Amino acid sequence: MAVTEKVTLTLPKDLMENIRELVPSGGYSKFVAEAVEYFIENKRRRELRERLIHGYQVNATQDAAINAEWEATDDEVWLNYVTPYEEKEPDNDANSAG
């Protein structure tokens, strides 16, 4: 079981009224804990997303240059070692019955 710590919070009256409408009496602590965990998780995801976007933008020119440098080799591998996909032609006789 998780270790708990008793804290006192001051919330706006209308927010607490909304909580009372949604949560049965005695479940406020669990509700607030879940809400805070949800908020923290979303905040961390947003921050990570922003860091990733920034990193991609900073490295875009260098990544494009590396891609251009290896493009010929990549094309050669595809042409020489990857079997082309050949879709079977539909049988027109089966579709034209009728």
PDB file of N, CA and C in Angstrom:
ATOM      1  N   MET A   1       0.843  -1.182   0.000  1.00  0.00           N
ATOM      2  CA  MET A   1       0.000   0.000   0.000  1.00  0.00           C
ATOM      3  C   MET A   1       0.880   1.234   0.000  1.00  0.00           C
ATOM      4  N   ALA A   2       0.473   2.228  -0.753  1.00  0.00           N
ATOM      5  CA  ALA A   2       1.238   3.469  -0.852  1.00  0.00           C
ATOM      6  C   ALA A   2       1.219   4.214   0.475  1.00  0.00           C
ATOM      7  N   VAL A   3       2.336   4.827   0.783  1.00  0.00           N
ATOM      8  CA  VAL A   3       2.421   5.649   1.985  1.00  0.00           C
ATOM      9  C   VAL A   3       1.662   6.939   1.710  1.00  0.00           C
ATOM     10  N   THR A   4       0.863   7.350   2.651  1.00  0.00           N
ATOM     11  CA  THR A   4       0.080   8.573   2.469  1.00  0.00           C
ATOM     12  C   THR A   4       0.560   9.656   3.421  1.00  0.00           C
ATOM     13  N   GLU A   5       0.210  10.876   3.081  1.00  0.00           N
ATOM     14  CA  GLU A   5       0.533  12.021   3.917  1.00  0.00           C
ATOM     15  C   GLU A   5      -0.699  12.901   3.977  1.00  0.00           C
ATOM     16  N   LYS A   6      -1.053  13.300   5.154  1.00  0.00           N
ATOM     17  CA  LYS A   6      -2.223  14.150   5.321  1.00  0.00           C
ATOM     18  C   LYS A   6      -1.833  15.597   5.023  1.00  0.00           C
ATOM     19  N   VAL A   7      -2.634  16.236   4.160  1.00  0.00           N
ATOM     20  CA  VAL A   7      -2.391  17.632   3.813  1.00  0.00           C
ATOM     21  C   VAL A   7      -3.710  18.391   3.902  1.00  0.00           C
ATOM     22  N   THR A   8      -3.591  19.679   4.032  1.00  0.00           N
ATOM     23  CA  THR A   8      -4.771  20.538   4.018  1.00  0.00           C
ATOM     24  C   THR A   8      -4.712  21.380   2.754  1.00  0.00           C
ATOM     25  N   LEU A   9      -5.809  21.361   1.997  1.00  0.00           N
ATOM     26  CA  LEU A   9      -5.882  22.122   0.769  1.00  0.00           C
ATOM     27  C   LEU A   9      -6.953  23.194   0.898  1.00  0.00           C
ATOM     28  N   THR A  10      -6.726  24.285   0.255  1.00  0.00           N
ATOM     29  CA  THR A  10      -7.743  25.326   0.161  1.00  0.00           C
ATOM     30  C   THR A  10      -8.151  25.412  -1.300  1.00  0.00           C
ATOM     31  N   LEU A  11      -9.431  25.143  -1.566  1.00  0.00           N
ATOM     32  CA  LEU A  11      -9.945  25.143  -2.922  1.00  0.00           C
ATOM     33  C   LEU A  11     -11.051  26.171  -3.049  1.00  0.00           C
ATOM     34  N   PRO A  12     -11.243  26.693  -4.250  1.00  0.00           N
ATOM     35  CA  PRO A  12     -12.366  27.605  -4.450  1.00  0.00           C
ATOM     36  C   PRO A  12     -13.689  26.886  -4.131  1.00  0.00           C
ATOM     37  N   LYS A  13     -14.614  27.640  -3.555  1.00  0.00           N
ATOM     38  CA  LYS A  13     -15.885  27.068  -3.106  1.00  0.00           C
ATOM     39  C   LYS A  13     -16.640  26.392  -4.246  1.00  0.00           C
ATOM     40  N   ASP A  14     -16.706  27.035  -5.430  1.00  0.00           N
ATOM     41  CA  ASP A  14     -17.451  26.428  -6.543  1.00  0.00           C
ATOM     42  C   ASP A  14     -16.792  25.141  -7.032  1.00  0.00           C
ATOM     43  N   LEU A  15     -15.464  25.068  -6.964  1.00  0.00           N
ATOM     44  CA  LEU A  15     -14.774  23.835  -7.342  1.00  0.00           C
ATOM     45  C   LEU A  15     -15.118  22.716  -6.370  1.00  0.00           C
ATOM     46  N   MET A  16     -15.120  23.029  -5.089  1.00  0.00           N
ATOM     47  CA  MET A  16     -15.453  22.020  -4.086  1.00  0.00           C
ATOM     48  C   MET A  16     -16.904  21.567  -4.225  1.00  0.00           C
ATOM     49  N   GLU A  17     -17.796  22.474  -4.590  1.00  0.00           N
ATOM     50  CA  GLU A  17     -19.195  22.090  -4.821  1.00  0.00           C
ATOM     51  C   GLU A  17     -19.296  21.116  -5.993  1.00  0.00           C
ATOM     52  N   ASN A  18     -18.539  21.370  -7.041  1.00  0.00           N
ATOM     53  CA  ASN A  18     -18.517  20.450  -8.177  1.00  0.00           C
ATOM     54  C   ASN A  18     -17.990  19.079  -7.770  1.00  0.00           C
ATOM     55  N   ILE A  19     -16.949  19.053  -6.959  1.00  0.00           N
ATOM     56  CA  ILE A  19     -16.404  17.782  -6.482  1.00  0.00           C
ATOM     57  C   ILE A  19     -17.442  17.036  -5.658  1.00  0.00           C
ATOM     58  N   ARG A  20     -18.128  17.738  -4.790  1.00  0.00           N
ATOM     59  CA  ARG A  20     -19.153  17.089  -3.955  1.00  0.00           C
ATOM     60  C   ARG A  20     -20.274  16.490  -4.798  1.00  0.00           C
ATOM     61  N   GLU A  21     -20.587  17.127  -5.928  1.00  0.00           N
ATOM     62  CA  GLU A  21     -21.617  16.588  -6.821  1.00  0.00           C
ATOM     63  C   GLU A  21     -21.156  15.307  -7.503  1.00  0.00           C
ATOM     64  N   LEU A  22     -19.871  15.213  -7.786  1.00  0.00           N
ATOM     65  CA  LEU A  22     -19.346  14.072  -8.528  1.00  0.00           C
ATOM     66  C   LEU A  22     -18.882  12.908  -7.667  1.00  0.00           C
ATOM     67  N   VAL A  23     -18.431  13.223  -6.458  1.00  0.00           N
ATOM     68  CA  VAL A  23     -17.754  12.218  -5.641  1.00  0.00           C
ATOM     69  C   VAL A  23     -18.551  11.959  -4.371  1.00  0.00           C
ATOM     70  N   PRO A  24     -18.739  10.675  -4.043  1.00  0.00           N
ATOM     71  CA  PRO A  24     -19.439  10.374  -2.790  1.00  0.00           C
ATOM     72  C   PRO A  24     -18.619  10.844  -1.579  1.00  0.00           C
ATOM     73  N   SER A  25     -19.311  11.179  -0.528  1.00  0.00           N
ATOM     74  CA  SER A  25     -18.656  11.612   0.701  1.00  0.00           C
ATOM     75  C   SER A  25     -17.660  10.544   1.150  1.00  0.00           C
ATOM     76  N   GLY A  26     -16.488  10.980   1.528  1.00  0.00           N
ATOM     77  CA  GLY A  26     -15.456  10.046   1.962  1.00  0.00           C
ATOM     78  C   GLY A  26     -14.508   9.662   0.834  1.00  0.00           C
ATOM     79  N   GLY A  27     -14.820  10.053  -0.390  1.00  0.00           N
ATOM     80  CA  GLY A  27     -13.960   9.699  -1.519  1.00  0.00           C
ATOM     81  C   GLY A  27     -13.172  10.869  -2.060  1.00  0.00           C
ATOM     82  N   TYR A  28     -13.182  11.982  -1.339  1.00  0.00           N
ATOM     83  CA  TYR A  28     -12.520  13.192  -1.835  1.00  0.00           C
ATOM     84  C   TYR A  28     -11.008  13.009  -1.988  1.00  0.00           C
ATOM     85  N   SER A  29     -10.384  12.361  -1.014  1.00  0.00           N
ATOM     86  CA  SER A  29      -8.925  12.197  -1.065  1.00  0.00           C
ATOM     87  C   SER A  29      -8.508  11.404  -2.290  1.00  0.00           C
ATOM     88  N   LYS A  30      -9.212  10.303  -2.545  1.00  0.00           N
ATOM     89  CA  LYS A  30      -8.886   9.477  -3.702  1.00  0.00           C
ATOM     90  C   LYS A  30      -9.108  10.263  -4.997  1.00  0.00           C
ATOM     91  N   PHE A  31     -10.211  11.002  -5.053  1.00  0.00           N
ATOM     92  CA  PHE A  31     -10.518  11.793  -6.236  1.00  0.00           C
ATOM     93  C   PHE A  31      -9.436  12.833  -6.497  1.00  0.00           C
ATOM     94  N   VAL A  32      -9.048  13.564  -5.472  1.00  0.00           N
ATOM     95  CA  VAL A  32      -8.035  14.609  -5.623  1.00  0.00           C
ATOM     96  C   VAL A  32      -6.697  13.984  -6.003  1.00  0.00           C
ATOM     97  N   ALA A  33      -6.348  12.854  -5.388  1.00  0.00           N
ATOM     98  CA  ALA A  33      -5.082  12.189  -5.717  1.00  0.00           C
ATOM     99  C   ALA A  33      -5.070  11.767  -7.185  1.00  0.00           C
ATOM    100  N   GLU A  34      -6.177  11.175  -7.662  1.00  0.00           N
ATOM    101  CA  GLU A  34      -6.249  10.763  -9.062  1.00  0.00           C
ATOM    102  C   GLU A  34      -6.197  11.963 -10.001  1.00  0.00           C
ATOM    103  N   ALA A  35      -6.866  13.038  -9.629  1.00  0.00           N
ATOM    104  CA  ALA A  35      -6.866  14.243 -10.464  1.00  0.00           C
ATOM    105  C   ALA A  35      -5.464  14.844 -10.553  1.00  0.00           C
ATOM    106  N   VAL A  36      -4.755  14.882  -9.445  1.00  0.00           N
ATOM    107  CA  VAL A  36      -3.400  15.435  -9.435  1.00  0.00           C
ATOM    108  C   VAL A  36      -2.467  14.546 -10.249  1.00  0.00           C
ATOM    109  N   GLU A  37      -2.581  13.226 -10.079  1.00  0.00           N
ATOM    110  CA  GLU A  37      -1.754  12.302 -10.869  1.00  0.00           C
ATOM    111  C   GLU A  37      -2.014  12.488 -12.363  1.00  0.00           C
ATOM    112  N   TYR A  38      -3.276  12.615 -12.736  1.00  0.00           N
ATOM    113  CA  TYR A  38      -3.651  12.823 -14.132  1.00  0.00           C
ATOM    114  C   TYR A  38      -3.045  14.124 -14.658  1.00  0.00           C
ATOM    115  N   PHE A  39      -3.146  15.174 -13.872  1.00  0.00           N
ATOM    116  CA  PHE A  39      -2.595  16.472 -14.264  1.00  0.00           C
ATOM    117  C   PHE A  39      -1.086  16.387 -14.454  1.00  0.00           C
ATOM    118  N   ILE A  40      -0.392  15.762 -13.518  1.00  0.00           N
ATOM    119  CA  ILE A  40       1.068  15.655 -13.590  1.00  0.00           C
ATOM    120  C   ILE A  40       1.485  14.841 -14.813  1.00  0.00           C
ATOM    121  N   GLU A  41       0.799  13.725 -15.053  1.00  0.00           N
ATOM    122  CA  GLU A  41       1.120  12.892 -16.211  1.00  0.00           C
ATOM    123  C   GLU A  41       0.938  13.669 -17.516  1.00  0.00           C
ATOM    124  N   ASN A  42      -0.163  14.402 -17.640  1.00  0.00           N
ATOM    125  CA  ASN A  42      -0.399  15.202 -18.846  1.00  0.00           C
ATOM    126  C   ASN A  42       0.633  16.308 -18.999  1.00  0.00           C
ATOM    127  N   LYS A  43       0.978  16.947 -17.903  1.00  0.00           N
ATOM    128  CA  LYS A  43       1.982  18.023 -17.951  1.00  0.00           C
ATOM    129  C   LYS A  43       3.329  17.465 -18.397  1.00  0.00           C
ATOM    130  N   ARG A  44       3.711  16.307 -17.867  1.00  0.00           N
ATOM    131  CA  ARG A  44       4.985  15.701 -18.267  1.00  0.00           C
ATOM    132  C   ARG A  44       4.969  15.311 -19.744  1.00  0.00           C
ATOM    133  N   ARG A  45       3.848  14.781 -20.211  1.00  0.00           N
ATOM    134  CA  ARG A  45       3.745  14.416 -21.628  1.00  0.00           C
ATOM    135  C   ARG A  45       3.843  15.643 -22.528  1.00  0.00           C
ATOM    136  N   ARG A  46       3.170  16.727 -22.140  1.00  0.00           N
ATOM    137  CA  ARG A  46       3.251  17.960 -22.932  1.00  0.00           C
ATOM    138  C   ARG A  46       4.684  18.485 -22.976  1.00  0.00           C
ATOM    139  N   GLU A  47       5.355  18.450 -21.828  1.00  0.00           N
ATOM    140  CA  GLU A  47       6.734  18.934 -21.774  1.00  0.00           C
ATOM    141  C   GLU A  47       7.656  18.054 -22.616  1.00  0.00           C
ATOM    142  N   LEU A  48       7.470  16.742 -22.545  1.00  0.00           N
ATOM    143  CA  LEU A  48       8.272  15.832 -23.354  1.00  0.00           C
ATOM    144  C   LEU A  48       8.020  16.087 -24.835  1.00  0.00           C
ATOM    145  N   ARG A  49       6.755  16.242 -25.197  1.00  0.00           N
ATOM    146  CA  ARG A  49       6.406  16.512 -26.599  1.00  0.00           C
ATOM    147  C   ARG A  49       7.081  17.799 -27.080  1.00  0.00           C
ATOM    148  N   GLU A  50       7.052  18.835 -26.258  1.00  0.00           N
ATOM    149  CA  GLU A  50       7.698  20.100 -26.628  1.00  0.00           C
ATOM    150  C   GLU A  50       9.206  19.930 -26.792  1.00  0.00           C
ATOM    151  N   ARG A  51       9.834  19.148 -25.899  1.00  0.00           N
ATOM    152  CA  ARG A  51      11.279  18.911 -26.018  1.00  0.00           C
ATOM    153  C   ARG A  51      11.595  18.127 -27.282  1.00  0.00           C
ATOM    154  N   LEU A  52      10.767  17.124 -27.604  1.00  0.00           N
ATOM    155  CA  LEU A  52      10.985  16.342 -28.819  1.00  0.00           C
ATOM    156  C   LEU A  52      10.823  17.208 -30.062  1.00  0.00           C
ATOM    157  N   ILE A  53       9.772  18.011 -30.099  1.00  0.00           N
ATOM    158  CA  ILE A  53       9.558  18.905 -31.242  1.00  0.00           C
ATOM    159  C   ILE A  53      10.748  19.840 -31.402  1.00  0.00           C
ATOM    160  N   HIS A  54      11.190  20.429 -30.304  1.00  0.00           N
ATOM    161  CA  HIS A  54      12.333  21.342 -30.354  1.00  0.00           C
ATOM    162  C   HIS A  54      13.575  20.618 -30.880  1.00  0.00           C
ATOM    163  N   GLY A  55      13.816  19.400 -30.377  1.00  0.00           N
ATOM    164  CA  GLY A  55      14.981  18.630 -30.823  1.00  0.00           C
ATOM    165  C   GLY A  55      14.911  18.298 -32.297  1.00  0.00           C
ATOM    166  N   TYR A  56      13.733  17.928 -32.774  1.00  0.00           N
ATOM    167  CA  TYR A  56      13.570  17.631 -34.196  1.00  0.00           C
ATOM    168  C   TYR A  56      13.835  18.883 -35.030  1.00  0.00           C
ATOM    169  N   GLN A  57      13.325  20.020 -34.582  1.00  0.00           N
ATOM    170  CA  GLN A  57      13.504  21.256 -35.335  1.00  0.00           C
ATOM    171  C   GLN A  57      14.976  21.684 -35.362  1.00  0.00           C
ATOM    172  N   VAL A  58      15.649  21.543 -34.239  1.00  0.00           N
ATOM    173  CA  VAL A  58      17.057  21.937 -34.159  1.00  0.00           C
ATOM    174  C   VAL A  58      17.914  21.070 -35.078  1.00  0.00           C
ATOM    175  N   ASN A  59      17.575  19.782 -35.170  1.00  0.00           N
ATOM    176  CA  ASN A  59      18.389  18.851 -35.941  1.00  0.00           C
ATOM    177  C   ASN A  59      17.889  18.615 -37.365  1.00  0.00           C
ATOM    178  N   ALA A  60      16.855  19.311 -37.795  1.00  0.00           N
ATOM    179  CA  ALA A  60      16.240  19.040 -39.096  1.00  0.00           C
ATOM    180  C   ALA A  60      17.231  19.199 -40.246  1.00  0.00           C
ATOM    181  N   THR A  61      18.013  20.254 -40.257  1.00  0.00           N
ATOM    182  CA  THR A  61      18.958  20.496 -41.347  1.00  0.00           C
ATOM    183  C   THR A  61      20.021  19.400 -41.392  1.00  0.00           C
ATOM    184  N   GLN A  62      20.552  19.067 -40.238  1.00  0.00           N
ATOM    185  CA  GLN A  62      21.572  18.019 -40.164  1.00  0.00           C
ATOM    186  C   GLN A  62      20.975  16.666 -40.577  1.00  0.00           C
ATOM    187  N   ASP A  63      19.772  16.357 -40.136  1.00  0.00           N
ATOM    188  CA  ASP A  63      19.120  15.099 -40.501  1.00  0.00           C
ATOM    189  C   ASP A  63      18.867  15.016 -41.998  1.00  0.00           C
ATOM    190  N   ALA A  64      18.442  16.114 -42.602  1.00  0.00           N
ATOM    191  CA  ALA A  64      18.205  16.133 -44.048  1.00  0.00           C
ATOM    192  C   ALA A  64      19.515  15.916 -44.808  1.00  0.00           C
ATOM    193  N   ALA A  65      20.603  16.502 -44.324  1.00  0.00           N
ATOM    194  CA  ALA A  65      21.903  16.332 -44.978  1.00  0.00           C
ATOM    195  C   ALA A  65      22.368  14.875 -44.886  1.00  0.00           C
ATOM    196  N   ILE A  66      22.195  14.268 -43.729  1.00  0.00           N
ATOM    197  CA  ILE A  66      22.574  12.859 -43.568  1.00  0.00           C
ATOM    198  C   ILE A  66      21.720  11.985 -44.470  1.00  0.00           C
ATOM    199  N   ASN A  67      20.430  12.272 -44.535  1.00  0.00           N
ATOM    200  CA  ASN A  67      19.533  11.511 -45.401  1.00  0.00           C
ATOM    201  C   ASN A  67      19.959  11.620 -46.857  1.00  0.00           C
ATOM    202  N   ALA A  68      20.287  12.834 -47.299  1.00  0.00           N
ATOM    203  CA  ALA A  68      20.717  13.033 -48.683  1.00  0.00           C
ATOM    204  C   ALA A  68      22.013  12.279 -48.956  1.00  0.00           C
ATOM    205  N   GLU A  69      22.904  12.258 -47.983  1.00  0.00           N
ATOM    206  CA  GLU A  69      24.188  11.582 -48.132  1.00  0.00           C
ATOM    207  C   GLU A  69      24.007  10.070 -48.322  1.00  0.00           C
ATOM    208  N   TRP A  70      23.034   9.490 -47.660  1.00  0.00           N
ATOM    209  CA  TRP A  70      22.822   8.043 -47.712  1.00  0.00           C
ATOM    210  C   TRP A  70      21.720   7.623 -48.689  1.00  0.00           C
ATOM    211  N   GLU A  71      21.088   8.559 -49.374  1.00  0.00           N
ATOM    212  CA  GLU A  71      19.954   8.243 -50.235  1.00  0.00           C
ATOM    213  C   GLU A  71      20.321   7.275 -51.355  1.00  0.00           C
ATOM    214  N   ALA A  72      21.461   7.466 -51.989  1.00  0.00           N
ATOM    215  CA  ALA A  72      21.865   6.581 -53.083  1.00  0.00           C
ATOM    216  C   ALA A  72      22.081   5.158 -52.580  1.00  0.00           C
ATOM    217  N   THR A  73      22.714   5.018 -51.432  1.00  0.00           N
ATOM    218  CA  THR A  73      22.933   3.695 -50.855  1.00  0.00           C
ATOM    219  C   THR A  73      21.614   3.043 -50.494  1.00  0.00           C
ATOM    220  N   ASP A  74      20.728   3.814 -49.922  1.00  0.00           N
ATOM    221  CA  ASP A  74      19.410   3.298 -49.553  1.00  0.00           C
ATOM    222  C   ASP A  74      18.650   2.819 -50.781  1.00  0.00           C
ATOM    223  N   ASP A  75      18.677   3.611 -51.844  1.00  0.00           N
ATOM    224  CA  ASP A  75      18.002   3.222 -53.092  1.00  0.00           C
ATOM    225  C   ASP A  75      18.600   1.941 -53.650  1.00  0.00           C
ATOM    226  N   GLU A  76      19.922   1.829 -53.594  1.00  0.00           N
ATOM    227  CA  GLU A  76      20.594   0.628 -54.112  1.00  0.00           C
ATOM    228  C   GLU A  76      20.166  -0.614 -53.342  1.00  0.00           C
ATOM    229  N   VAL A  77      20.096  -0.509 -52.054  1.00  0.00           N
ATOM    230  CA  VAL A  77      19.668  -1.648 -51.238  1.00  0.00           C
ATOM    231  C   VAL A  77      18.250  -2.051 -51.608  1.00  0.00           C
ATOM    232  N   TRP A  78      17.376  -1.082 -51.718  1.00  0.00           N
ATOM    233  CA  TRP A  78      15.988  -1.391 -52.080  1.00  0.00           C
ATOM    234  C   TRP A  78      15.920  -2.069 -53.441  1.00  0.00           C
ATOM    235  N   LEU A  79      16.653  -1.550 -54.416  1.00  0.00           N
ATOM    236  CA  LEU A  79      16.589  -2.105 -55.764  1.00  0.00           C
ATOM    237  C   LEU A  79      17.212  -3.493 -55.856  1.00  0.00           C
ATOM    238  N   ASN A  80      18.267  -3.739 -55.096  1.00  0.00           N
ATOM    239  CA  ASN A  80      18.997  -4.997 -55.206  1.00  0.00           C
ATOM    240  C   ASN A  80      18.549  -6.087 -54.234  1.00  0.00           C
ATOM    241  N   TYR A  81      17.997  -5.708 -53.100  1.00  0.00           N
ATOM    242  CA  TYR A  81      17.760  -6.717 -52.072  1.00  0.00           C
ATOM    243  C   TYR A  81      16.317  -6.848 -51.602  1.00  0.00           C
ATOM    244  N   VAL A  82      15.471  -5.920 -51.960  1.00  0.00           N
ATOM    245  CA  VAL A  82      14.083  -5.989 -51.517  1.00  0.00           C
ATOM    246  C   VAL A  82      13.229  -6.445 -52.685  1.00  0.00           C
ATOM    247  N   THR A  83      12.514  -7.540 -52.467  1.00  0.00           N
ATOM    248  CA  THR A  83      11.669  -8.080 -53.518  1.00  0.00           C
ATOM    249  C   THR A  83      10.516  -7.131 -53.770  1.00  0.00           C
ATOM    250  N   PRO A  84      10.298  -6.764 -55.045  1.00  0.00           N
ATOM    251  CA  PRO A  84       9.189  -5.847 -55.327  1.00  0.00           C
ATOM    252  C   PRO A  84       7.850  -6.521 -55.038  1.00  0.00           C
ATOM    253  N   TYR A  85       6.925  -5.712 -54.624  1.00  0.00           N
ATOM    254  CA  TYR A  85       5.577  -6.191 -54.344  1.00  0.00           C
ATOM    255  C   TYR A  85       4.822  -6.228 -55.656  1.00  0.00           C
ATOM    256  N   GLU A  86       4.320  -7.388 -55.979  1.00  0.00           N
ATOM    257  CA  GLU A  86       3.550  -7.529 -57.204  1.00  0.00           C
ATOM    258  C   GLU A  86       2.170  -8.032 -56.839  1.00  0.00           C
ATOM    259  N   GLU A  87       1.215  -7.165 -56.989  1.00  0.00           N
ATOM    260  CA  GLU A  87      -0.162  -7.525 -56.671  1.00  0.00           C
ATOM    261  C   GLU A  87      -0.713  -8.380 -57.804  1.00  0.00           C
ATOM    262  N   LYS A  88      -1.395  -9.454 -57.447  1.00  0.00           N
ATOM    263  CA  LYS A  88      -1.980 -10.333 -58.447  1.00  0.00           C
ATOM    264  C   LYS A  88      -3.113  -9.602 -59.153  1.00  0.00           C
ATOM    265  N   GLU A  89      -3.111  -9.719 -60.463  1.00  0.00           N
ATOM    266  CA  GLU A  89      -4.175  -9.102 -61.259  1.00  0.00           C
ATOM    267  C   GLU A  89      -5.503  -9.786 -60.942  1.00  0.00           C
ATOM    268  N   PRO A  90      -6.588  -9.012 -60.830  1.00  0.00           N
ATOM    269  CA  PRO A  90      -7.884  -9.630 -60.568  1.00  0.00           C
ATOM    270  C   PRO A  90      -8.332 -10.443 -61.773  1.00  0.00           C
ATOM    271  N   ASP A  91      -9.003 -11.533 -61.483  1.00  0.00           N
ATOM    272  CA  ASP A  91      -9.520 -12.392 -62.546  1.00  0.00           C
ATOM    273  C   ASP A  91     -10.786 -11.761 -63.088  1.00  0.00           C
ATOM    274  N   ASN A  92     -10.715 -11.219 -64.302  1.00  0.00           N
ATOM    275  CA  ASN A  92     -11.860 -10.524 -64.902  1.00  0.00           C
ATOM    276  C   ASN A  92     -13.008 -11.457 -65.205  1.00  0.00           C
ATOM    277  N   ASP A  93     -12.725 -12.731 -65.500  1.00  0.00           N
ATOM    278  CA  ASP A  93     -13.785 -13.680 -65.807  1.00  0.00           C
ATOM    279  C   ASP A  93     -14.708 -13.903 -64.611  1.00  0.00           C
ATOM    280  N   ALA A  94     -14.125 -13.937 -63.393  1.00  0.00           N
ATOM    281  CA  ALA A  94     -14.937 -14.188 -62.195  1.00  0.00           C
ATOM    282  C   ALA A  94     -15.836 -12.984 -61.890  1.00  0.00           C
ATOM    283  N   ASN A  95     -15.359 -11.777 -62.209  1.00  0.00           N
ATOM    284  CA  ASN A  95     -16.136 -10.576 -61.910  1.00  0.00           C
ATOM    285  C   ASN A  95     -17.191 -10.276 -62.958  1.00  0.00           C
ATOM    286  N   SER A  96     -17.045 -10.839 -64.156  1.00  0.00           N
ATOM    287  CA  SER A  96     -17.985 -10.491 -65.231  1.00  0.00           C
ATOM    288  C   SER A  96     -19.098 -11.524 -65.397  1.00  0.00           C
ATOM    289  N   ALA A  97     -19.191 -12.480 -64.488  1.00  0.00           N
ATOM    290  CA  ALA A  97     -20.247 -13.494 -64.597  1.00  0.00           C
ATOM    291  C   ALA A  97     -21.591 -12.836 -64.357  1.00  0.00           C
ATOM    292  N   GLY A  98     -22.553 -13.142 -65.221  1.00  0.00           N
ATOM    293  CA  GLY A  98     -23.859 -12.610 -64.904  1.00  0.00           C
ATOM    294  C   GLY A  98     -24.558 -12.170 -66.059  1.00  0.00           C
TER     295      GLY A  98
END
